């Protein structure tokens, strides 16, 4: 992921985006975190839904790749991209 190579581990964790993906006819959802910007993820989801490939491909910071058929997508929820406070806040 070239956009986050120069960041320290602490900086990457502070700017994580939560992603939750709901699948039709499945009681569980797919959930993971990534340091990709939320607008970039939104563009990827929109392109996958418009394309004829039939699948959405996303990856997390740990190297896992998620390939989901677009026919089965119920929803894609993007969490806040705001930085999180690490440690105690006075």
C-alpha atoms as a PDB file:
ATOM      1  CA  UNK A   1       0.000   0.000   0.000  1.00  0.00           C
ATOM      2  CA  UNK A   2       2.084   2.905  -1.246  1.00  0.00           C
ATOM      3  CA  UNK A   3       0.001   5.628   0.409  1.00  0.00           C
ATOM      4  CA  UNK A   4       0.898   4.512   3.933  1.00  0.00           C
ATOM      5  CA  UNK A   5       4.494   3.227   3.649  1.00  0.00           C
ATOM      6  CA  UNK A   6       6.017   6.373   5.101  1.00  0.00           C
ATOM      7  CA  UNK A   7       3.731   6.395   8.137  1.00  0.00           C
ATOM      8  CA  UNK A   8       4.717   4.887  11.475  1.00  0.00           C
ATOM      9  CA  UNK A   9       2.629   2.074  12.955  1.00  0.00           C
ATOM     10  CA  UNK A  10       1.149   4.518  15.482  1.00  0.00           C
ATOM     11  CA  UNK A  11       0.131   6.939  12.697  1.00  0.00           C
ATOM     12  CA  UNK A  12      -1.443   4.126  10.644  1.00  0.00           C
ATOM     13  CA  UNK A  13      -3.519   2.921  13.587  1.00  0.00           C
ATOM     14  CA  UNK A  14      -4.642   6.468  14.308  1.00  0.00           C
ATOM     15  CA  UNK A  15      -6.123   6.884  10.797  1.00  0.00           C
ATOM     16  CA  UNK A  16      -7.918   3.578  10.282  1.00  0.00           C
ATOM     17  CA  UNK A  17     -11.276   3.380   8.543  1.00  0.00           C
ATOM     18  CA  UNK A  18     -13.751   0.730   9.702  1.00  0.00           C
ATOM     19  CA  UNK A  19     -15.495  -1.165   6.896  1.00  0.00           C
ATOM     20  CA  UNK A  20     -18.558  -3.358   7.407  1.00  0.00           C
ATOM     21  CA  UNK A  21     -20.073  -5.276   4.516  1.00  0.00           C
ATOM     22  CA  UNK A  22     -23.477  -6.909   4.737  1.00  0.00           C
ATOM     23  CA  UNK A  23     -24.251  -9.952   2.596  1.00  0.00           C
ATOM     24  CA  UNK A  24     -27.769 -10.968   1.525  1.00  0.00           C
ATOM     25  CA  UNK A  25     -29.113 -14.102   3.278  1.00  0.00           C
ATOM     26  CA  UNK A  26     -26.216 -14.145   5.738  1.00  0.00           C
ATOM     27  CA  UNK A  27     -26.610 -13.378   9.447  1.00  0.00           C
ATOM     28  CA  UNK A  28     -23.004 -12.197   9.748  1.00  0.00           C
ATOM     29  CA  UNK A  29     -21.224  -9.276   8.205  1.00  0.00           C
ATOM     30  CA  UNK A  30     -17.634  -8.859   7.049  1.00  0.00           C
ATOM     31  CA  UNK A  31     -15.770  -6.292   9.113  1.00  0.00           C
ATOM     32  CA  UNK A  32     -12.188  -5.028   8.944  1.00  0.00           C
ATOM     33  CA  UNK A  33     -10.040  -1.907   9.182  1.00  0.00           C
ATOM     34  CA  UNK A  34      -7.897  -0.276   6.535  1.00  0.00           C
ATOM     35  CA  UNK A  35      -5.764   2.844   6.274  1.00  0.00           C
ATOM     36  CA  UNK A  36      -7.094   3.605   2.783  1.00  0.00           C
ATOM     37  CA  UNK A  37      -8.961   6.916   2.633  1.00  0.00           C
ATOM     38  CA  UNK A  38     -12.755   6.559   2.842  1.00  0.00           C
ATOM     39  CA  UNK A  39     -13.313   8.350  -0.479  1.00  0.00           C
ATOM     40  CA  UNK A  40     -10.975   5.888  -2.224  1.00  0.00           C
ATOM     41  CA  UNK A  41     -12.924   2.942  -0.815  1.00  0.00           C
ATOM     42  CA  UNK A  42     -16.190   4.558  -1.865  1.00  0.00           C
ATOM     43  CA  UNK A  43     -14.875   4.941  -5.431  1.00  0.00           C
ATOM     44  CA  UNK A  44     -13.803   1.279  -5.478  1.00  0.00           C
ATOM     45  CA  UNK A  45     -17.248   0.117  -4.309  1.00  0.00           C
ATOM     46  CA  UNK A  46     -19.040   2.350  -6.827  1.00  0.00           C
ATOM     47  CA  UNK A  47     -16.823   1.128  -9.673  1.00  0.00           C
ATOM     48  CA  UNK A  48     -17.363  -2.517  -8.705  1.00  0.00           C
ATOM     49  CA  UNK A  49     -21.145  -2.081  -8.670  1.00  0.00           C
ATOM     50  CA  UNK A  50     -21.085  -0.380 -12.090  1.00  0.00           C
ATOM     51  CA  UNK A  51     -18.618  -2.798 -13.703  1.00  0.00           C
ATOM     52  CA  UNK A  52     -19.443  -6.114 -15.300  1.00  0.00           C
ATOM     53  CA  UNK A  53     -16.794  -8.009 -13.335  1.00  0.00           C
ATOM     54  CA  UNK A  54     -19.352  -9.026 -10.711  1.00  0.00           C
ATOM     55  CA  UNK A  55     -17.142  -8.707  -7.644  1.00  0.00           C
ATOM     56  CA  UNK A  56     -15.766  -6.203  -5.150  1.00  0.00           C
ATOM     57  CA  UNK A  57     -12.145  -6.596  -4.084  1.00  0.00           C
ATOM     58  CA  UNK A  58     -10.840  -4.867  -0.936  1.00  0.00           C
ATOM     59  CA  UNK A  59      -7.863  -5.483   1.332  1.00  0.00           C
ATOM     60  CA  UNK A  60      -6.979  -4.700   4.917  1.00  0.00           C
ATOM     61  CA  UNK A  61      -3.711  -3.575   6.506  1.00  0.00           C
ATOM     62  CA  UNK A  62      -2.792  -7.120   7.500  1.00  0.00           C
ATOM     63  CA  UNK A  63      -2.665  -8.236   3.863  1.00  0.00           C
ATOM     64  CA  UNK A  64      -5.977 -10.104   3.746  1.00  0.00           C
ATOM     65  CA  UNK A  65      -7.912  -9.714   0.498  1.00  0.00           C
ATOM     66  CA  UNK A  66     -11.707  -9.779   0.475  1.00  0.00           C
ATOM     67  CA  UNK A  67     -13.468 -10.672  -2.792  1.00  0.00           C
ATOM     68  CA  UNK A  68     -17.249 -10.332  -2.561  1.00  0.00           C
ATOM     69  CA  UNK A  69     -19.756 -10.956  -5.365  1.00  0.00           C
ATOM     70  CA  UNK A  70     -21.594  -7.688  -6.041  1.00  0.00           C
ATOM     71  CA  UNK A  71     -24.864  -9.583  -6.473  1.00  0.00           C
ATOM     72  CA  UNK A  72     -24.750 -10.514  -2.780  1.00  0.00           C
ATOM     73  CA  UNK A  73     -23.945  -7.044  -1.396  1.00  0.00           C
ATOM     74  CA  UNK A  74     -26.638  -5.800   0.965  1.00  0.00           C
ATOM     75  CA  UNK A  75     -24.679  -2.736   2.186  1.00  0.00           C
ATOM     76  CA  UNK A  76     -21.188  -1.319   2.625  1.00  0.00           C
ATOM     77  CA  UNK A  77     -20.671   0.854   5.687  1.00  0.00           C
ATOM     78  CA  UNK A  78     -17.614   3.087   5.979  1.00  0.00           C
ATOM     79  CA  UNK A  79     -16.630   4.288   9.434  1.00  0.00           C
ATOM     80  CA  UNK A  80     -15.091   7.585  10.367  1.00  0.00           C
ATOM     81  CA  UNK A  81     -11.695   8.497   8.977  1.00  0.00           C
ATOM     82  CA  UNK A  82     -10.959  10.863  11.855  1.00  0.00           C
ATOM     83  CA  UNK A  83      -7.831  10.169  13.814  1.00  0.00           C
ATOM     84  CA  UNK A  84      -8.269   8.306  17.053  1.00  0.00           C
ATOM     85  CA  UNK A  85      -6.631   9.392  20.270  1.00  0.00           C
ATOM     86  CA  UNK A  86      -4.083   6.914  21.550  1.00  0.00           C
ATOM     87  CA  UNK A  87      -3.442   6.755  25.270  1.00  0.00           C
ATOM     88  CA  UNK A  88      -4.934   8.860  28.010  1.00  0.00           C
ATOM     89  CA  UNK A  89      -6.605  12.149  27.153  1.00  0.00           C
ATOM     90  CA  UNK A  90      -6.472  14.855  29.779  1.00  0.00           C
END
